[in-house]
């Protein structure tokens, strides 16, 4: 069993796409309290969390922080996905709250898989839509 099987949407990938994904990706370890990404930086990889928690937050000019959401094992970061899809820089920061292990899928492989694989594209957009819905709930809680 490979890490792919930890993500239900990826377990349906055809063998050829699975092999490509395995050959192009790397498993990375990130110590707790490490800033993984920040405003003004462009994403180099889609990270799929295997272990740990990442806090995604924004900081105002006055230093006030607001937690937008957390990414847990078995999930990906919606902000990273959005930035990869739109070729834009991050507008928030991601901080490893715990020791974290993740699969890093480089931008070139991400672009190829989104273009060539219906199953991978569905995985990306399903995760994206779930996180956007979660983010709207956070906004609703804050606003009301």
N, C-alpha and C. Protein backbone atom coordinates (compact mmCIF):
# COMPACT_ATOMS: atom_id res chain seq x y z
N UNK A 1 0.85 -1.19 0.00
CA UNK A 1 0.00 0.00 0.00
C UNK A 1 0.88 1.25 0.00
N UNK A 2 0.58 2.20 -0.86
CA UNK A 2 1.35 3.44 -0.94
C UNK A 2 0.57 4.57 -0.30
N UNK A 3 1.19 5.75 -0.22
CA UNK A 3 0.51 6.90 0.37
C UNK A 3 -0.73 7.27 -0.44
N UNK A 4 -0.77 6.94 -1.71
CA UNK A 4 -1.92 7.27 -2.57
C UNK A 4 -3.21 6.71 -1.98
N UNK A 5 -3.11 5.53 -1.37
CA UNK A 5 -4.30 4.87 -0.84
C UNK A 5 -4.86 5.56 0.40
N UNK A 6 -4.13 6.51 0.97
CA UNK A 6 -4.63 7.29 2.11
C UNK A 6 -5.59 8.38 1.66
N UNK A 7 -5.68 8.61 0.35
CA UNK A 7 -6.55 9.64 -0.20
C UNK A 7 -7.56 8.98 -1.12
N UNK A 8 -8.82 8.81 -0.65
CA UNK A 8 -9.81 8.05 -1.42
C UNK A 8 -9.94 8.49 -2.88
N UNK A 9 -9.87 9.76 -3.15
CA UNK A 9 -10.01 10.23 -4.53
C UNK A 9 -8.86 9.81 -5.42
N UNK A 10 -7.70 9.57 -4.84
CA UNK A 10 -6.53 9.16 -5.63
C UNK A 10 -6.46 7.66 -5.82
N UNK A 11 -7.08 6.91 -4.94
CA UNK A 11 -7.00 5.45 -5.02
C UNK A 11 -7.65 4.91 -6.29
N UNK A 12 -8.48 5.74 -6.93
CA UNK A 12 -9.14 5.33 -8.19
C UNK A 12 -8.31 5.64 -9.43
N UNK A 13 -7.13 6.22 -9.25
CA UNK A 13 -6.31 6.57 -10.40
C UNK A 13 -5.88 5.33 -11.17
N UNK A 14 -5.85 5.43 -12.50
CA UNK A 14 -5.32 4.31 -13.29
C UNK A 14 -3.85 4.07 -12.93
N UNK A 15 -3.38 2.85 -13.12
CA UNK A 15 -2.02 2.46 -12.75
C UNK A 15 -0.95 3.39 -13.35
N UNK A 16 -1.11 3.76 -14.58
CA UNK A 16 -0.13 4.63 -15.25
C UNK A 16 -0.02 5.99 -14.55
N UNK A 17 -1.17 6.56 -14.17
CA UNK A 17 -1.20 7.86 -13.50
C UNK A 17 -0.65 7.71 -12.07
N UNK A 18 -1.00 6.62 -11.40
CA UNK A 18 -0.45 6.37 -10.05
C UNK A 18 1.07 6.32 -10.09
N UNK A 19 1.61 5.58 -11.07
CA UNK A 19 3.06 5.45 -11.19
C UNK A 19 3.71 6.80 -11.47
N UNK A 20 3.09 7.61 -12.33
CA UNK A 20 3.62 8.94 -12.61
C UNK A 20 3.62 9.79 -11.34
N UNK A 21 2.52 9.77 -10.62
CA UNK A 21 2.39 10.55 -9.39
C UNK A 21 3.45 10.11 -8.36
N UNK A 22 3.64 8.83 -8.21
CA UNK A 22 4.65 8.31 -7.28
C UNK A 22 6.07 8.71 -7.70
N UNK A 23 6.34 8.66 -8.98
CA UNK A 23 7.70 8.98 -9.44
C UNK A 23 8.01 10.47 -9.37
N UNK A 24 7.01 11.32 -9.50
CA UNK A 24 7.23 12.77 -9.53
C UNK A 24 7.12 13.44 -8.17
N UNK A 25 6.52 12.77 -7.21
CA UNK A 25 6.30 13.40 -5.90
C UNK A 25 7.38 12.97 -4.90
N UNK A 26 7.47 13.73 -3.82
CA UNK A 26 8.42 13.44 -2.74
C UNK A 26 7.69 13.54 -1.42
N UNK A 27 8.14 12.76 -0.45
CA UNK A 27 7.61 12.89 0.90
C UNK A 27 8.56 13.80 1.68
N UNK A 28 7.98 14.83 2.30
CA UNK A 28 8.76 15.81 3.04
C UNK A 28 8.32 15.81 4.50
N UNK A 29 9.27 16.12 5.38
CA UNK A 29 8.99 16.26 6.80
C UNK A 29 9.21 17.72 7.17
N UNK A 30 8.28 18.27 7.94
CA UNK A 30 8.35 19.66 8.35
C UNK A 30 8.25 19.71 9.87
N UNK A 31 9.23 20.31 10.54
CA UNK A 31 9.16 20.42 12.01
C UNK A 31 8.00 21.32 12.46
N UNK A 32 7.53 21.09 13.66
CA UNK A 32 6.49 21.95 14.25
C UNK A 32 6.98 23.40 14.28
N UNK A 33 6.03 24.32 14.15
CA UNK A 33 6.26 25.77 14.19
C UNK A 33 7.02 26.32 13.00
N UNK A 34 7.10 25.56 11.91
CA UNK A 34 7.76 26.02 10.69
C UNK A 34 6.74 26.72 9.80
N UNK A 35 7.14 27.89 9.27
CA UNK A 35 6.29 28.58 8.29
C UNK A 35 6.51 27.86 6.95
N UNK A 36 5.45 27.28 6.43
CA UNK A 36 5.54 26.51 5.19
C UNK A 36 5.38 27.42 3.97
N UNK A 37 4.48 28.39 4.08
CA UNK A 37 4.31 29.36 3.01
C UNK A 37 3.85 30.67 3.61
N UNK A 38 3.98 31.74 2.82
CA UNK A 38 3.58 33.05 3.32
C UNK A 38 3.19 33.98 2.19
N UNK A 39 2.60 35.13 2.56
CA UNK A 39 2.15 36.10 1.57
C UNK A 39 3.28 36.52 0.62
N UNK A 40 2.92 36.62 -0.66
CA UNK A 40 3.87 37.06 -1.66
C UNK A 40 4.73 35.96 -2.25
N UNK A 41 4.65 34.75 -1.70
CA UNK A 41 5.41 33.61 -2.24
C UNK A 41 4.51 32.82 -3.17
N UNK A 42 5.09 32.25 -4.21
CA UNK A 42 4.26 31.42 -5.09
C UNK A 42 4.46 29.95 -4.74
N UNK A 43 3.39 29.17 -4.83
CA UNK A 43 3.50 27.75 -4.46
C UNK A 43 4.34 26.98 -5.47
N UNK A 44 5.17 26.11 -4.93
CA UNK A 44 6.00 25.25 -5.78
C UNK A 44 5.44 23.84 -5.85
N UNK A 45 4.63 23.47 -4.84
CA UNK A 45 4.10 22.11 -4.74
C UNK A 45 2.68 22.13 -4.19
N UNK A 46 1.92 21.11 -4.56
CA UNK A 46 0.69 20.80 -3.85
C UNK A 46 1.09 19.85 -2.74
N UNK A 47 0.76 20.20 -1.50
CA UNK A 47 1.08 19.34 -0.37
C UNK A 47 -0.17 18.57 0.06
N UNK A 48 -0.01 17.26 0.18
CA UNK A 48 -1.07 16.40 0.70
C UNK A 48 -0.57 15.89 2.04
N UNK A 49 -1.26 16.25 3.11
CA UNK A 49 -0.79 15.91 4.45
C UNK A 49 -0.98 14.43 4.77
N UNK A 50 0.10 13.81 5.21
CA UNK A 50 0.07 12.43 5.65
C UNK A 50 -0.07 12.37 7.17
N UNK A 51 0.62 13.29 7.85
CA UNK A 51 0.59 13.37 9.32
C UNK A 51 0.71 14.82 9.73
N UNK A 52 0.05 15.17 10.83
CA UNK A 52 0.22 16.50 11.39
C UNK A 52 -0.91 17.46 11.06
N UNK A 53 -0.70 18.72 11.45
CA UNK A 53 -1.69 19.78 11.24
C UNK A 53 -0.99 21.06 10.80
N UNK A 54 -1.57 21.72 9.82
CA UNK A 54 -1.07 23.01 9.35
C UNK A 54 -2.17 24.04 9.57
N UNK A 55 -1.80 25.16 10.20
CA UNK A 55 -2.73 26.27 10.44
C UNK A 55 -2.53 27.30 9.33
N UNK A 56 -3.62 27.68 8.68
CA UNK A 56 -3.58 28.72 7.64
C UNK A 56 -4.21 29.96 8.23
N UNK A 57 -3.46 31.06 8.22
CA UNK A 57 -3.93 32.28 8.89
C UNK A 57 -3.51 33.51 8.11
N UNK A 58 -4.20 34.60 8.41
CA UNK A 58 -3.83 35.91 7.88
C UNK A 58 -3.52 36.81 9.05
N UNK A 59 -2.60 37.73 8.83
CA UNK A 59 -2.21 38.69 9.85
C UNK A 59 -2.47 40.09 9.31
N UNK A 60 -3.16 40.92 10.10
CA UNK A 60 -3.46 42.28 9.66
C UNK A 60 -2.23 43.17 9.83
N UNK A 61 -2.31 44.38 9.31
CA UNK A 61 -1.22 45.34 9.44
C UNK A 61 -0.94 45.67 10.91
N UNK A 62 -1.95 45.51 11.75
CA UNK A 62 -1.79 45.81 13.19
C UNK A 62 -1.29 44.59 13.97
N UNK A 63 -1.09 43.46 13.27
CA UNK A 63 -0.57 42.27 13.93
C UNK A 63 -1.63 41.30 14.42
N UNK A 64 -2.89 41.62 14.19
CA UNK A 64 -3.97 40.71 14.60
C UNK A 64 -4.03 39.53 13.65
N UNK A 65 -4.09 38.32 14.22
CA UNK A 65 -4.13 37.10 13.41
C UNK A 65 -5.52 36.50 13.42
N UNK A 66 -5.92 35.95 12.28
CA UNK A 66 -7.17 35.21 12.20
C UNK A 66 -6.87 33.87 11.53
N UNK A 67 -7.30 32.81 12.19
CA UNK A 67 -7.12 31.47 11.62
C UNK A 67 -8.24 31.24 10.61
N UNK A 68 -7.85 30.97 9.38
CA UNK A 68 -8.84 30.72 8.33
C UNK A 68 -9.33 29.27 8.38
N UNK A 69 -8.39 28.36 8.54
CA UNK A 69 -8.73 26.94 8.65
C UNK A 69 -7.47 26.16 9.00
N UNK A 70 -7.65 24.89 9.29
CA UNK A 70 -6.53 23.99 9.55
C UNK A 70 -6.59 22.85 8.53
N UNK A 71 -5.42 22.40 8.14
CA UNK A 71 -5.31 21.26 7.24
C UNK A 71 -4.82 20.08 8.08
N UNK A 72 -5.53 18.96 8.00
CA UNK A 72 -5.20 17.78 8.78
C UNK A 72 -4.76 16.64 7.86
N UNK A 73 -4.22 15.59 8.46
CA UNK A 73 -3.81 14.42 7.68
C UNK A 73 -4.95 13.95 6.79
N UNK A 74 -4.62 13.66 5.54
CA UNK A 74 -5.63 13.22 4.58
C UNK A 74 -6.23 14.36 3.78
N UNK A 75 -5.73 15.59 4.01
CA UNK A 75 -6.28 16.77 3.33
C UNK A 75 -5.18 17.54 2.60
N UNK A 76 -5.64 18.49 1.77
CA UNK A 76 -4.73 19.43 1.11
C UNK A 76 -5.19 20.84 1.43
N UNK A 77 -4.35 21.80 1.11
CA UNK A 77 -4.64 23.20 1.42
C UNK A 77 -5.36 23.86 0.25
N UNK A 78 -6.57 24.39 0.51
CA UNK A 78 -7.36 25.02 -0.54
C UNK A 78 -6.66 26.26 -1.09
N UNK A 79 -5.96 26.99 -0.24
CA UNK A 79 -5.26 28.19 -0.72
C UNK A 79 -4.14 27.80 -1.68
N UNK A 80 -3.40 26.76 -1.36
CA UNK A 80 -2.35 26.29 -2.27
C UNK A 80 -2.96 25.85 -3.59
N UNK A 81 -4.05 25.11 -3.53
CA UNK A 81 -4.72 24.67 -4.75
C UNK A 81 -5.14 25.86 -5.59
N UNK A 82 -5.77 26.85 -4.96
CA UNK A 82 -6.22 28.04 -5.68
C UNK A 82 -5.05 28.78 -6.32
N UNK A 83 -3.97 28.92 -5.57
CA UNK A 83 -2.79 29.63 -6.09
C UNK A 83 -2.15 28.86 -7.24
N UNK A 84 -2.09 27.54 -7.13
CA UNK A 84 -1.54 26.74 -8.22
C UNK A 84 -2.40 26.86 -9.48
N UNK A 85 -3.71 26.79 -9.31
CA UNK A 85 -4.61 26.85 -10.46
C UNK A 85 -4.58 28.22 -11.14
N UNK A 86 -4.45 29.28 -10.33
CA UNK A 86 -4.51 30.65 -10.87
C UNK A 86 -3.13 31.25 -11.13
N UNK A 87 -2.08 30.51 -10.82
CA UNK A 87 -0.70 31.03 -10.94
C UNK A 87 -0.54 32.34 -10.18
N UNK A 88 -1.02 32.34 -8.94
CA UNK A 88 -0.93 33.52 -8.09
C UNK A 88 -0.11 33.21 -6.85
N UNK A 89 0.32 34.29 -6.17
CA UNK A 89 1.06 34.14 -4.92
C UNK A 89 0.10 33.95 -3.77
N UNK A 90 0.64 33.43 -2.67
CA UNK A 90 -0.14 33.26 -1.46
C UNK A 90 -0.58 34.60 -0.89
N UNK A 91 -1.74 34.61 -0.23
CA UNK A 91 -2.23 35.81 0.45
C UNK A 91 -2.30 35.59 1.96
N UNK A 92 -1.89 34.42 2.42
CA UNK A 92 -1.92 34.07 3.84
C UNK A 92 -0.69 33.21 4.12
N UNK A 93 -0.54 32.81 5.38
CA UNK A 93 0.59 31.94 5.70
C UNK A 93 0.10 30.62 6.25
N UNK A 94 0.92 29.60 6.02
CA UNK A 94 0.66 28.27 6.55
C UNK A 94 1.78 27.89 7.50
N UNK A 95 1.42 27.47 8.69
CA UNK A 95 2.38 27.14 9.74
C UNK A 95 2.12 25.72 10.22
N UNK A 96 3.16 24.91 10.26
CA UNK A 96 3.03 23.56 10.80
C UNK A 96 2.81 23.66 12.31
N UNK A 97 1.66 23.24 12.77
CA UNK A 97 1.38 23.28 14.21
C UNK A 97 2.04 22.11 14.93
N UNK A 98 2.25 21.03 14.20
CA UNK A 98 2.86 19.83 14.76
C UNK A 98 3.93 19.37 13.78
N UNK A 99 4.70 18.39 14.18
CA UNK A 99 5.59 17.71 13.24
C UNK A 99 4.69 17.21 12.11
N UNK A 100 5.08 17.48 10.88
CA UNK A 100 4.22 17.20 9.75
C UNK A 100 4.97 16.40 8.68
N UNK A 101 4.28 15.44 8.11
CA UNK A 101 4.77 14.72 6.92
C UNK A 101 3.76 14.94 5.82
N UNK A 102 4.28 15.22 4.63
CA UNK A 102 3.38 15.49 3.51
C UNK A 102 4.00 14.98 2.21
N UNK A 103 3.13 14.77 1.25
CA UNK A 103 3.57 14.46 -0.11
C UNK A 103 3.62 15.79 -0.86
N UNK A 104 4.74 16.07 -1.49
CA UNK A 104 4.90 17.29 -2.28
C UNK A 104 4.81 16.91 -3.76
N UNK A 105 3.77 17.44 -4.42
CA UNK A 105 3.59 17.21 -5.85
C UNK A 105 4.02 18.50 -6.55
N UNK A 106 5.14 18.48 -7.29
CA UNK A 106 5.63 19.71 -7.92
C UNK A 106 4.62 20.30 -8.91
N UNK A 107 4.71 21.61 -9.07
CA UNK A 107 3.78 22.34 -9.95
C UNK A 107 3.68 21.70 -11.33
N UNK A 108 4.80 21.33 -11.94
CA UNK A 108 4.77 20.76 -13.30
C UNK A 108 3.95 19.47 -13.33
N UNK A 109 4.14 18.62 -12.32
CA UNK A 109 3.37 17.36 -12.25
C UNK A 109 1.90 17.65 -11.97
N UNK A 110 1.64 18.60 -11.07
CA UNK A 110 0.26 19.02 -10.76
C UNK A 110 -0.44 19.48 -12.04
N UNK A 111 0.21 20.38 -12.79
CA UNK A 111 -0.38 20.90 -14.03
C UNK A 111 -0.67 19.78 -15.03
N UNK A 112 0.28 18.87 -15.18
CA UNK A 112 0.10 17.75 -16.13
C UNK A 112 -1.06 16.86 -15.69
N UNK A 113 -1.11 16.53 -14.41
CA UNK A 113 -2.17 15.64 -13.93
C UNK A 113 -3.55 16.30 -13.99
N UNK A 114 -3.64 17.57 -13.67
CA UNK A 114 -4.93 18.27 -13.78
C UNK A 114 -5.39 18.28 -15.24
N UNK A 115 -4.44 18.44 -16.15
CA UNK A 115 -4.77 18.48 -17.57
C UNK A 115 -5.11 17.10 -18.14
N UNK A 116 -4.35 16.07 -17.73
CA UNK A 116 -4.44 14.76 -18.39
C UNK A 116 -5.33 13.73 -17.69
N UNK A 117 -5.59 13.91 -16.40
CA UNK A 117 -6.30 12.86 -15.66
C UNK A 117 -7.62 13.38 -15.09
N UNK A 118 -8.71 12.83 -15.57
CA UNK A 118 -10.03 13.19 -15.06
C UNK A 118 -10.13 12.86 -13.57
N UNK A 119 -9.64 11.69 -13.17
CA UNK A 119 -9.72 11.27 -11.77
C UNK A 119 -8.91 12.20 -10.86
N UNK A 120 -7.72 12.62 -11.29
CA UNK A 120 -6.93 13.54 -10.48
C UNK A 120 -7.60 14.91 -10.41
N UNK A 121 -8.12 15.36 -11.53
CA UNK A 121 -8.83 16.65 -11.58
C UNK A 121 -10.04 16.63 -10.64
N UNK A 122 -10.79 15.53 -10.64
CA UNK A 122 -11.93 15.40 -9.73
C UNK A 122 -11.48 15.41 -8.27
N UNK A 123 -10.36 14.75 -7.97
CA UNK A 123 -9.80 14.76 -6.62
C UNK A 123 -9.49 16.20 -6.19
N UNK A 124 -8.83 16.95 -7.04
CA UNK A 124 -8.43 18.33 -6.73
C UNK A 124 -9.67 19.20 -6.50
N UNK A 125 -10.64 19.13 -7.40
CA UNK A 125 -11.79 20.01 -7.29
C UNK A 125 -12.77 19.59 -6.19
N UNK A 126 -12.83 18.31 -5.88
CA UNK A 126 -13.66 17.86 -4.76
C UNK A 126 -13.09 18.39 -3.45
N UNK A 127 -11.78 18.26 -3.27
CA UNK A 127 -11.13 18.79 -2.06
C UNK A 127 -11.28 20.31 -2.01
N UNK A 128 -11.13 20.96 -3.14
CA UNK A 128 -11.24 22.42 -3.23
C UNK A 128 -12.64 22.87 -2.83
N UNK A 129 -13.67 22.24 -3.37
CA UNK A 129 -15.04 22.66 -3.06
C UNK A 129 -15.39 22.41 -1.60
N UNK A 130 -14.91 21.31 -1.02
CA UNK A 130 -15.16 21.04 0.40
C UNK A 130 -14.54 22.13 1.27
N UNK A 131 -13.31 22.51 0.98
CA UNK A 131 -12.62 23.52 1.77
C UNK A 131 -13.25 24.89 1.60
N UNK A 132 -13.70 25.22 0.41
CA UNK A 132 -14.37 26.51 0.19
C UNK A 132 -15.64 26.56 1.03
N UNK A 133 -16.39 25.48 1.05
CA UNK A 133 -17.60 25.41 1.87
C UNK A 133 -17.25 25.60 3.35
N UNK A 134 -16.19 24.93 3.82
CA UNK A 134 -15.75 25.09 5.20
C UNK A 134 -15.36 26.54 5.49
N UNK A 135 -14.70 27.18 4.54
CA UNK A 135 -14.26 28.56 4.71
C UNK A 135 -15.46 29.51 4.82
N UNK A 136 -16.49 29.25 4.04
CA UNK A 136 -17.70 30.07 4.14
C UNK A 136 -18.34 29.93 5.52
N UNK A 137 -18.27 28.74 6.11
CA UNK A 137 -18.80 28.56 7.46
C UNK A 137 -18.02 29.39 8.47
N UNK A 138 -16.70 29.47 8.30
CA UNK A 138 -15.87 30.31 9.19
C UNK A 138 -16.27 31.76 9.03
N UNK A 139 -16.44 32.21 7.80
CA UNK A 139 -16.83 33.61 7.55
C UNK A 139 -18.18 33.88 8.20
N UNK A 140 -19.12 32.95 8.06
CA UNK A 140 -20.44 33.13 8.65
C UNK A 140 -20.35 33.22 10.16
N UNK A 141 -19.53 32.38 10.79
CA UNK A 141 -19.36 32.43 12.24
C UNK A 141 -18.79 33.76 12.69
N UNK A 142 -17.82 34.28 11.96
CA UNK A 142 -17.20 35.55 12.32
C UNK A 142 -18.15 36.71 12.12
N UNK A 143 -18.86 36.69 11.01
CA UNK A 143 -19.73 37.81 10.66
C UNK A 143 -21.00 37.86 11.51
N UNK A 144 -21.53 36.70 11.89
CA UNK A 144 -22.82 36.68 12.56
C UNK A 144 -22.71 36.12 13.96
